[in-house]
Amino acid sequence: MISAALPDLDVLDVKALKALVIAKHRELLEQRKSNAQEIEHLKLVIEKYRRMIFGRKSEKLSGELEQLEFRLEELETAQAAEEAAQVATQPSSAQTDSKRRSRPARKPLAEALPREVVTHLPPHNCCPDCGGALRQFGEDVSEQLERIPATFKVIRHVRPKFACASCESVVEAPAPARPIDRGLPGPGLLAHVLVSKYADHLPLYRQSQIYAREGVDLDRSTLAGWVGAASELLTPLVDEISKYVLAAAKIHADDTPVPVLAPGNGKTKTGRLWTYVRDDRPAGFSTAPAVWFAYSQDRKGEHPRRHLKDFKGALQADAYSGFHHLYGDGAIYEVACWAHTRRKFHDIHVAHASPTTTEALARIGALYGIEEQIRGKQPRFAVRFVRPVPGRCSTSCVGGWRRCFARSQPRARLPARSAMHSHTGAR
């Protein structure tokens, strides 16, 4: 850390002042180097945590990852402020060199974004040096990203009334349909409230405060009424998505923790969001992919049992015990996850590399290579790749190696329901 206290500068001679400046400069450079090293370290740790967000400790890891993200954000903000202050005190030529050295690679702006062209002409229409006529021979183009703030508007629905001159009947256009019967919000505003709450995790009381800054008074209870009405409005759509997903011959299933407010104690409890995915594109089919989400207050196995009571086919899932009872009657058969199995070997290999872990990763990698070749092909075209052929790995050879490995090393343990314990494995 840079020391905050300074000696009395009035009593120091020139030599001592120079030494003090050099020492402080050295401290500043060391601090910047330390910050840069911490930033790189945090990036590596965050990337590692992102790969580890699986299993029973995922809730704890998610919290730690969030704190690391906050710390990284603070360090990068402080670093940018220091660089901006340094650039402001440098001459323009040095500023250009400094910006060129420190600026990271910038991603190009999306071509789909609308462009507004602003042309900047010189203040004179003739040469400022000799007065000669000017002719254009090129141009410099740079882009600046801007945001147009969201705004509210009121749509007034006017329905003129007409009276018949003969029978005095009143003629009027029917009232336009609204998402909520006799409700105030239009579909765009209602969608924005829902996305802000569920996708951006912005509570309704905070949304109410944001809207108040824009001059629109929307009470939290009013927004809550809209959300409840929208839930009922969208129920038929959710039901149709559920039917479509469960009509597939193969689905993926997983669950993720969701922090839910627990009114009264000022804390949060952990709910569960169950995810069921239909995606047949890797098998060469053109049917549209879809995801069905189902919420529950806990992680009991009764929830997937209820969700999948009418499903028949292949279920690809992790080793969570709540899925195991689904495979008993034969209507649903297990397609275990190779990625979860590989992760166990990879973690051991990183900590203590051995010929065993090396061979395990190589054999699973060979299966991944076959998968790369058959991805996007329908089964009748892909079947030749999974037949045992010389020099090519298969699930049976990996399973046989695993059994030999387990007999030779009885202390080795794989996950209770890994891909190597299942007849079928998928990534």
Protein backbone atom coordinates (compact mmCIF):
# COMPACT_ATOMS: atom_id res chain seq x y z
CA MET A 1 0.00 0.00 0.00
CA ILE A 2 1.14 3.58 -0.68
CA SER A 3 1.91 5.39 2.60
CA ALA A 4 -0.46 8.28 3.22
CA ALA A 5 1.75 10.38 5.54
CA LEU A 6 4.28 12.76 3.98
CA PRO A 7 7.23 14.44 5.70
CA ASP A 8 7.40 18.22 6.03
CA LEU A 9 8.35 19.21 2.48
CA ASP A 10 9.46 22.70 3.53
CA VAL A 11 12.45 21.35 5.45
CA LEU A 12 13.67 19.01 2.69
CA ASP A 13 16.41 20.01 0.30
CA VAL A 14 16.32 19.31 -3.44
CA LYS A 15 18.14 16.01 -3.14
CA ALA A 16 15.76 14.76 -0.46
CA LEU A 17 12.74 15.89 -2.49
CA LYS A 18 14.02 13.99 -5.52
CA ALA A 19 14.55 10.89 -3.40
CA LEU A 20 11.03 11.22 -1.99
CA VAL A 21 9.49 11.54 -5.46
CA ILE A 22 11.44 8.50 -6.69
CA ALA A 23 10.36 6.47 -3.66
CA LYS A 24 6.70 7.43 -4.06
CA HIS A 25 6.86 6.68 -7.77
CA ARG A 26 8.33 3.26 -6.99
CA GLU A 27 5.53 2.61 -4.47
CA LEU A 28 2.94 3.63 -7.07
CA LEU A 29 4.42 1.29 -9.67
CA GLU A 30 4.48 -1.57 -7.17
CA GLN A 31 0.86 -0.90 -6.24
CA ARG A 32 -0.19 -0.88 -9.90
CA LYS A 33 1.74 -4.09 -10.52
CA SER A 34 0.05 -5.68 -7.50
CA ASN A 35 -3.39 -4.56 -8.71
CA ALA A 36 -2.71 -5.92 -12.20
CA GLN A 37 -1.58 -9.27 -10.75
CA GLU A 38 -4.67 -9.43 -8.52
CA ILE A 39 -6.91 -8.68 -11.51
CA GLU A 40 -5.36 -11.53 -13.51
CA HIS A 41 -5.58 -13.85 -10.50
CA LEU A 42 -9.26 -12.98 -9.96
CA LYS A 43 -10.01 -13.64 -13.62
CA LEU A 44 -8.46 -17.11 -13.36
CA VAL A 45 -10.30 -17.91 -10.12
CA ILE A 46 -13.60 -16.67 -11.54
CA GLU A 47 -13.16 -18.81 -14.64
CA LYS A 48 -12.37 -21.82 -12.43
CA TYR A 49 -15.47 -21.19 -10.30
CA ARG A 50 -17.63 -20.92 -13.39
CA ARG A 51 -16.52 -24.40 -14.39
CA MET A 52 -17.29 -25.66 -10.88
CA ILE A 53 -20.91 -24.44 -10.65
CA PHE A 54 -22.26 -27.98 -10.43
CA GLY A 55 -23.24 -30.27 -7.59
CA ARG A 56 -24.27 -29.78 -4.00
CA LYS A 57 -21.90 -26.88 -3.28
CA SER A 58 -23.05 -24.79 -6.23
CA GLU A 59 -25.01 -22.36 -4.03
CA LYS A 60 -21.90 -21.55 -1.96
CA LEU A 61 -19.71 -21.27 -5.05
CA SER A 62 -22.21 -18.92 -6.68
CA GLY A 63 -22.00 -16.57 -3.70
CA GLU A 64 -18.21 -16.64 -3.69
CA LEU A 65 -18.13 -16.06 -7.44
CA GLU A 66 -20.40 -13.02 -7.06
CA GLN A 67 -18.07 -11.51 -4.44
CA LEU A 68 -15.04 -12.11 -6.69
CA GLU A 69 -16.87 -10.40 -9.56
CA PHE A 70 -17.49 -7.38 -7.32
CA ARG A 71 -13.84 -7.23 -6.29
CA LEU A 72 -12.66 -7.52 -9.89
CA GLU A 73 -15.07 -4.75 -10.90
CA GLU A 74 -13.68 -2.44 -8.20
CA LEU A 75 -10.06 -3.10 -9.18
CA GLU A 76 -10.69 -2.56 -12.88
CA THR A 77 -12.62 0.64 -12.15
CA ALA A 78 -9.80 1.97 -9.97
CA GLN A 79 -7.25 1.01 -12.62
CA ALA A 80 -9.22 2.84 -15.31
CA ALA A 81 -9.51 5.94 -13.09
CA GLU A 82 -5.75 6.00 -12.52
CA GLU A 83 -5.05 5.63 -16.23
CA ALA A 84 -7.51 8.42 -17.07
CA ALA A 85 -5.88 10.74 -14.50
CA GLN A 86 -2.44 9.92 -15.89
CA VAL A 87 -3.53 10.57 -19.47
CA ALA A 88 -5.07 13.93 -18.49
CA THR A 89 -1.69 15.18 -17.24
CA GLN A 90 0.30 14.06 -20.30
CA PRO A 91 0.85 15.97 -23.53
CA SER A 92 -1.38 14.95 -26.44
CA SER A 93 1.33 12.95 -28.25
CA ALA A 94 2.11 10.97 -25.12
CA GLN A 95 -1.63 10.43 -24.54
CA THR A 96 -1.96 8.80 -27.95
CA ASP A 97 0.95 6.43 -27.26
CA SER A 98 -0.37 5.59 -23.78
CA LYS A 99 -3.89 4.84 -25.03
CA ARG A 100 -2.50 2.68 -27.82
CA ARG A 101 -0.48 0.65 -25.32
CA SER A 102 -3.10 0.21 -22.57
CA ARG A 103 -6.33 -0.12 -24.52
CA PRO A 104 -7.52 -3.74 -24.76
CA ALA A 105 -8.78 -5.23 -27.99
CA ARG A 106 -12.23 -3.81 -28.69
CA LYS A 107 -15.01 -5.93 -30.11
CA PRO A 108 -16.64 -4.42 -33.21
CA LEU A 109 -20.10 -3.00 -32.79
CA ALA A 110 -22.89 -5.15 -34.19
CA GLU A 111 -23.84 -4.33 -37.76
CA ALA A 112 -27.52 -4.64 -36.84
CA LEU A 113 -27.35 -1.55 -34.64
CA PRO A 114 -28.86 1.55 -36.28
CA ARG A 115 -26.28 4.12 -37.39
CA GLU A 116 -26.68 7.89 -37.25
CA VAL A 117 -24.13 9.65 -39.42
CA VAL A 118 -22.88 13.03 -38.17
CA THR A 119 -20.60 14.83 -40.65
CA HIS A 120 -18.12 17.35 -39.20
CA LEU A 121 -16.97 19.90 -41.81
CA PRO A 122 -14.01 22.27 -41.34
CA PRO A 123 -14.96 25.75 -40.09
CA HIS A 124 -13.64 27.30 -43.35
CA ASN A 125 -14.59 26.52 -46.95
CA CYS A 126 -11.13 27.47 -48.17
CA CYS A 127 -7.54 26.74 -47.10
CA PRO A 128 -6.77 28.59 -43.84
CA ASP A 129 -3.12 28.98 -44.91
CA CYS A 130 -3.34 30.28 -48.48
CA GLY A 131 -7.05 30.75 -49.17
CA GLY A 132 -7.08 28.15 -51.97
CA ALA A 133 -10.13 26.01 -52.87
CA LEU A 134 -10.59 22.74 -50.97
CA ARG A 135 -11.34 19.36 -52.53
CA GLN A 136 -12.20 16.21 -50.59
CA PHE A 137 -9.84 13.24 -51.04
CA GLY A 138 -10.93 10.99 -48.17
CA GLU A 139 -12.42 10.91 -44.72
CA ASP A 140 -11.74 9.67 -41.19
CA VAL A 141 -14.53 7.57 -39.68
CA SER A 142 -14.91 6.67 -36.00
CA GLU A 143 -17.85 5.25 -34.09
CA GLN A 144 -19.27 6.09 -30.69
CA LEU A 145 -21.81 3.96 -28.87
CA GLU A 146 -24.78 5.83 -27.45
CA ARG A 147 -27.97 4.78 -25.70
CA ILE A 148 -31.44 6.23 -26.12
CA PRO A 149 -33.12 6.08 -22.69
CA ALA A 150 -36.40 4.19 -22.52
CA THR A 151 -39.41 6.48 -22.32
CA PHE A 152 -43.06 6.11 -21.46
CA LYS A 153 -45.89 7.18 -23.69
CA VAL A 154 -49.64 7.19 -23.30
CA ILE A 155 -51.73 5.65 -26.05
CA ARG A 156 -55.20 7.21 -26.14
CA HIS A 157 -57.77 4.90 -27.69
CA VAL A 158 -60.47 7.10 -29.18
CA ARG A 159 -63.65 5.44 -30.49
CA PRO A 160 -65.95 7.96 -32.19
CA LYS A 161 -69.66 7.31 -31.79
CA PHE A 162 -71.96 7.59 -34.80
CA ALA A 163 -75.73 7.78 -34.84
CA CYS A 164 -77.84 6.50 -37.71
CA ALA A 165 -79.83 9.30 -39.34
CA SER A 166 -82.69 6.88 -40.13
CA CYS A 167 -83.12 4.67 -37.02
CA GLU A 168 -80.91 6.52 -34.51
CA SER A 169 -78.84 3.40 -33.79
CA VAL A 170 -75.44 4.07 -32.24
CA VAL A 171 -72.44 2.67 -34.14
CA GLU A 172 -69.03 2.41 -32.45
CA ALA A 173 -65.85 0.36 -33.02
CA PRO A 174 -65.26 -2.40 -30.46
CA ALA A 175 -62.77 -1.68 -27.69
CA PRO A 176 -59.25 -2.97 -28.49
CA ALA A 177 -58.05 -6.03 -26.60
CA ARG A 178 -55.66 -5.53 -23.68
CA PRO A 179 -53.28 -7.99 -22.02
CA ILE A 180 -55.06 -7.41 -18.71
CA ASP A 181 -58.80 -6.78 -18.87
CA ARG A 182 -59.42 -3.08 -18.13
CA GLY A 183 -55.74 -2.88 -17.12
CA LEU A 184 -53.43 0.08 -17.58
CA PRO A 185 -50.26 -1.56 -19.02
CA GLY A 186 -49.66 -2.13 -22.69
CA PRO A 187 -47.93 -5.35 -23.82
CA GLY A 188 -44.53 -3.68 -24.09
CA LEU A 189 -44.63 -2.28 -20.55
CA LEU A 190 -45.91 -5.55 -19.15
CA ALA A 191 -43.13 -7.49 -20.88
CA HIS A 192 -40.55 -5.01 -19.55
CA VAL A 193 -41.76 -5.45 -15.95
CA LEU A 194 -41.60 -9.25 -16.25
CA VAL A 195 -38.13 -9.30 -17.86
CA SER A 196 -36.79 -6.83 -15.28
CA LYS A 197 -38.12 -8.96 -12.42
CA TYR A 198 -37.27 -12.46 -13.60
CA ALA A 199 -34.37 -12.03 -16.04
CA ASP A 200 -32.63 -8.98 -14.55
CA HIS A 201 -33.54 -9.83 -10.92
CA LEU A 202 -34.91 -6.34 -10.28
CA PRO A 203 -37.54 -6.42 -7.51
CA LEU A 204 -40.81 -4.61 -8.06
CA TYR A 205 -40.16 -2.00 -5.38
CA ARG A 206 -36.94 -0.99 -7.15
CA GLN A 207 -38.74 -0.84 -10.46
CA SER A 208 -41.31 1.43 -8.80
CA GLN A 209 -38.50 3.76 -7.71
CA ILE A 210 -36.97 3.80 -11.19
CA TYR A 211 -40.30 4.63 -12.82
CA ALA A 212 -40.88 7.40 -10.27
CA ARG A 213 -37.62 9.08 -11.39
CA GLU A 214 -39.11 9.15 -14.88
CA GLY A 215 -42.26 10.85 -13.62
CA VAL A 216 -44.56 7.80 -13.61
CA ASP A 217 -46.11 6.75 -10.30
CA LEU A 218 -46.54 2.97 -10.29
CA ASP A 219 -46.92 1.49 -6.83
CA ARG A 220 -45.31 -1.83 -6.01
CA SER A 221 -48.68 -3.42 -5.30
CA THR A 222 -49.88 -2.30 -8.73
CA LEU A 223 -46.87 -3.93 -10.40
CA ALA A 224 -47.45 -7.09 -8.34
CA GLY A 225 -51.02 -7.22 -9.63
CA TRP A 226 -49.75 -6.98 -13.19
CA VAL A 227 -47.25 -9.81 -12.63
CA GLY A 228 -49.95 -12.05 -11.15
CA ALA A 229 -52.34 -11.33 -14.03
CA ALA A 230 -49.55 -11.95 -16.57
CA SER A 231 -48.81 -15.30 -14.94
CA GLU A 232 -52.38 -16.39 -15.52
CA LEU A 233 -52.30 -14.96 -19.04
CA LEU A 234 -49.18 -16.96 -19.95
CA THR A 235 -50.30 -20.27 -18.40
CA PRO A 236 -51.69 -21.69 -21.69
CA LEU A 237 -48.40 -20.92 -23.43
CA VAL A 238 -46.42 -22.63 -20.67
CA ASP A 239 -48.69 -25.68 -20.93
CA GLU A 240 -48.16 -25.92 -24.68
CA ILE A 241 -44.38 -25.65 -24.27
CA SER A 242 -44.51 -28.41 -21.67
CA LYS A 243 -46.49 -30.69 -24.00
CA TYR A 244 -44.11 -30.00 -26.88
CA VAL A 245 -40.97 -30.69 -24.84
CA LEU A 246 -42.30 -33.89 -23.26
CA ALA A 247 -43.45 -35.21 -26.65
CA ALA A 248 -39.81 -35.71 -27.66
CA ALA A 249 -38.10 -39.10 -27.55
CA LYS A 250 -35.12 -37.62 -25.65
CA ILE A 251 -34.90 -34.69 -23.27
CA HIS A 252 -32.27 -33.14 -21.02
CA ALA A 253 -33.11 -32.41 -17.39
CA ASP A 254 -31.34 -30.34 -14.77
CA ASP A 255 -32.11 -28.08 -11.84
CA THR A 256 -30.56 -24.87 -10.59
CA PRO A 257 -30.87 -23.05 -7.24
CA VAL A 258 -32.89 -19.82 -7.17
CA PRO A 259 -32.67 -17.41 -4.20
CA VAL A 260 -36.18 -16.53 -3.04
CA LEU A 261 -37.07 -13.85 -0.52
CA ALA A 262 -38.34 -15.20 2.80
CA PRO A 263 -40.68 -12.49 4.14
CA GLY A 264 -40.42 -11.82 7.85
CA ASN A 265 -36.82 -12.82 8.56
CA GLY A 266 -34.94 -10.56 6.16
CA LYS A 267 -33.17 -13.50 4.51
CA THR A 268 -33.53 -15.61 1.40
CA LYS A 269 -34.35 -19.27 0.99
CA THR A 270 -33.33 -21.53 -1.87
CA GLY A 271 -35.95 -22.56 -4.40
CA ARG A 272 -35.38 -24.73 -7.45
CA LEU A 273 -35.88 -24.11 -11.12
CA TRP A 274 -36.22 -27.39 -13.03
CA THR A 275 -35.15 -27.23 -16.66
CA TYR A 276 -36.31 -29.66 -19.34
CA VAL A 277 -34.79 -29.22 -22.79
CA ARG A 278 -35.81 -30.64 -26.15
CA ASP A 279 -33.11 -30.19 -28.77
CA ASP A 280 -32.78 -32.70 -31.61
CA ARG A 281 -30.52 -30.58 -33.82
CA PRO A 282 -27.33 -32.54 -32.90
CA ALA A 283 -29.12 -35.65 -34.25
CA GLY A 284 -29.82 -33.98 -37.59
CA PHE A 285 -33.48 -33.16 -37.05
CA SER A 286 -35.02 -29.80 -37.90
CA THR A 287 -37.61 -29.70 -35.11
CA ALA A 288 -37.46 -26.48 -33.13
CA PRO A 289 -35.61 -26.61 -29.79
CA ALA A 290 -37.53 -25.62 -26.67
CA VAL A 291 -37.03 -25.32 -22.91
CA TRP A 292 -39.67 -25.82 -20.23
CA PHE A 293 -39.01 -24.32 -16.80
CA ALA A 294 -40.84 -25.49 -13.67
CA TYR A 295 -40.39 -23.95 -10.21
CA SER A 296 -40.51 -25.67 -6.83
CA GLN A 297 -39.77 -24.53 -3.29
CA ASP A 298 -37.34 -27.38 -2.60
CA ARG A 299 -35.33 -30.12 -4.35
CA LYS A 300 -37.38 -33.16 -3.42
CA GLY A 301 -37.51 -35.98 -5.95
CA GLU A 302 -41.30 -35.78 -6.07
CA HIS A 303 -41.04 -32.74 -8.34
CA PRO A 304 -39.33 -34.42 -11.36
CA ARG A 305 -41.59 -37.43 -10.76
CA ARG A 306 -44.64 -35.18 -11.15
CA HIS A 307 -43.19 -33.24 -14.09
CA LEU A 308 -42.28 -36.39 -16.05
CA LYS A 309 -45.19 -38.67 -15.14
CA ASP A 310 -46.36 -38.79 -18.78
CA PHE A 311 -42.92 -38.81 -20.44
CA LYS A 312 -41.58 -41.90 -22.19
CA GLY A 313 -38.10 -42.03 -23.69
CA ALA A 314 -34.49 -41.15 -22.93
CA LEU A 315 -33.65 -38.79 -20.07
CA GLN A 316 -30.21 -37.22 -19.97
CA ALA A 317 -29.48 -35.95 -16.48
CA ASP A 318 -26.78 -35.73 -13.84
CA ALA A 319 -26.31 -38.09 -10.90
CA TYR A 320 -28.88 -36.37 -8.65
CA SER A 321 -30.66 -39.09 -6.66
CA GLY A 322 -34.04 -37.51 -7.32
CA PHE A 323 -33.91 -38.78 -10.89
CA HIS A 324 -33.06 -42.40 -10.03
CA HIS A 325 -36.59 -43.55 -9.22
CA LEU A 326 -37.69 -42.50 -12.72
CA TYR A 327 -35.79 -45.40 -14.34
CA GLY A 328 -37.55 -48.23 -12.52
CA ASP A 329 -40.50 -49.17 -14.77
CA GLY A 330 -38.71 -48.91 -18.13
CA ALA A 331 -40.80 -46.05 -19.50
CA ILE A 332 -37.84 -43.72 -18.98
CA TYR A 333 -34.28 -44.95 -19.51
CA GLU A 334 -31.15 -43.20 -18.33
CA VAL A 335 -28.69 -41.40 -20.59
CA ALA A 336 -25.96 -40.47 -18.15
CA CYS A 337 -23.62 -37.52 -18.60
CA TRP A 338 -20.06 -38.05 -19.83
CA ALA A 339 -19.15 -34.46 -18.97
CA HIS A 340 -19.76 -35.11 -15.27
CA THR A 341 -17.68 -38.28 -15.38
CA ARG A 342 -14.84 -36.56 -17.24
CA ARG A 343 -14.84 -33.67 -14.75
CA LYS A 344 -14.01 -36.06 -11.89
CA PHE A 345 -11.02 -37.47 -13.76
CA HIS A 346 -9.95 -33.99 -14.87
CA ASP A 347 -9.95 -32.65 -11.30
CA ILE A 348 -7.84 -35.60 -10.13
CA HIS A 349 -5.53 -35.21 -13.16
CA VAL A 350 -4.93 -31.52 -12.43
CA ALA A 351 -4.13 -32.25 -8.77
CA HIS A 352 -2.21 -35.54 -9.22
CA ALA A 353 -1.63 -36.56 -12.82
CA SER A 354 -1.13 -40.28 -13.34
CA PRO A 355 -1.21 -42.79 -16.23
CA THR A 356 -4.68 -43.81 -15.08
CA THR A 357 -6.19 -40.31 -15.34
CA THR A 358 -4.32 -39.67 -18.57
CA GLU A 359 -5.77 -42.80 -20.16
CA ALA A 360 -9.26 -42.02 -18.85
CA LEU A 361 -9.20 -38.55 -20.37
CA ALA A 362 -7.78 -39.92 -23.63
CA ARG A 363 -10.50 -42.58 -23.95
CA ILE A 364 -13.30 -40.13 -23.18
CA GLY A 365 -11.68 -37.69 -25.59
CA ALA A 366 -11.84 -40.37 -28.29
CA LEU A 367 -15.59 -40.64 -27.70
CA TYR A 368 -15.86 -36.88 -27.98
CA GLY A 369 -14.03 -37.10 -31.29
CA ILE A 370 -16.62 -39.56 -32.59
CA GLU A 371 -19.34 -37.23 -31.40
CA GLU A 372 -17.80 -34.36 -33.36
CA GLN A 373 -18.00 -36.47 -36.53
CA ILE A 374 -21.63 -37.49 -36.10
CA ARG A 375 -23.05 -34.24 -34.71
CA GLY A 376 -25.78 -32.95 -37.00
CA LYS A 377 -26.27 -36.31 -38.75
CA GLN A 378 -29.40 -38.40 -38.42
CA PRO A 379 -29.00 -41.86 -36.80
CA ARG A 380 -29.09 -43.84 -40.07
CA PHE A 381 -26.07 -41.85 -41.34
CA ALA A 382 -24.24 -41.76 -37.99
CA VAL A 383 -24.52 -45.43 -37.03
CA ARG A 384 -21.35 -46.45 -38.85
CA PHE A 385 -19.28 -44.22 -36.56
CA VAL A 386 -20.35 -45.96 -33.36
CA ARG A 387 -19.71 -49.52 -34.54
CA PRO A 388 -16.49 -50.89 -33.05
CA VAL A 389 -13.73 -50.58 -35.60
CA PRO A 390 -9.95 -51.00 -35.23
CA GLY A 391 -8.29 -47.99 -33.64
CA ARG A 392 -11.55 -46.35 -32.60
CA CYS A 393 -12.87 -46.11 -29.06
CA SER A 394 -16.43 -46.96 -28.02
CA THR A 395 -18.53 -46.85 -24.87
CA SER A 396 -18.05 -50.59 -24.41
CA CYS A 397 -14.26 -50.37 -24.46
CA VAL A 398 -14.32 -47.48 -21.97
CA GLY A 399 -16.68 -49.46 -19.75
CA GLY A 400 -14.43 -52.53 -19.93
CA TRP A 401 -11.38 -50.45 -19.07
CA ARG A 402 -13.27 -48.93 -16.15
CA ARG A 403 -14.11 -52.36 -14.73
CA CYS A 404 -10.48 -53.46 -15.03
CA PHE A 405 -9.40 -50.22 -13.39
CA ALA A 406 -11.86 -50.70 -10.50
CA ARG A 407 -10.65 -54.27 -9.89
CA SER A 408 -7.01 -53.26 -9.90
CA GLN A 409 -7.59 -50.24 -7.65
CA PRO A 410 -10.45 -51.06 -5.26
CA ARG A 411 -10.19 -47.73 -3.47
CA ALA A 412 -11.06 -45.79 -6.62
CA ARG A 413 -14.61 -44.54 -6.69
CA LEU A 414 -16.67 -43.01 -9.44
CA PRO A 415 -19.90 -41.05 -8.91
CA ALA A 416 -22.75 -43.33 -7.89
CA ARG A 417 -24.57 -42.70 -11.18
CA SER A 418 -21.95 -41.67 -13.69
CA ALA A 419 -21.89 -42.41 -17.40
CA MET A 420 -19.62 -45.37 -16.69
CA HIS A 421 -22.29 -46.94 -14.50
CA SER A 422 -24.97 -46.50 -17.13
CA HIS A 423 -25.62 -48.45 -20.27
CA THR A 424 -25.73 -45.24 -22.26
CA GLY A 425 -23.72 -42.06 -21.98
CA ALA A 426 -24.08 -38.64 -23.56
CA ARG A 427 -22.39 -35.35 -23.17
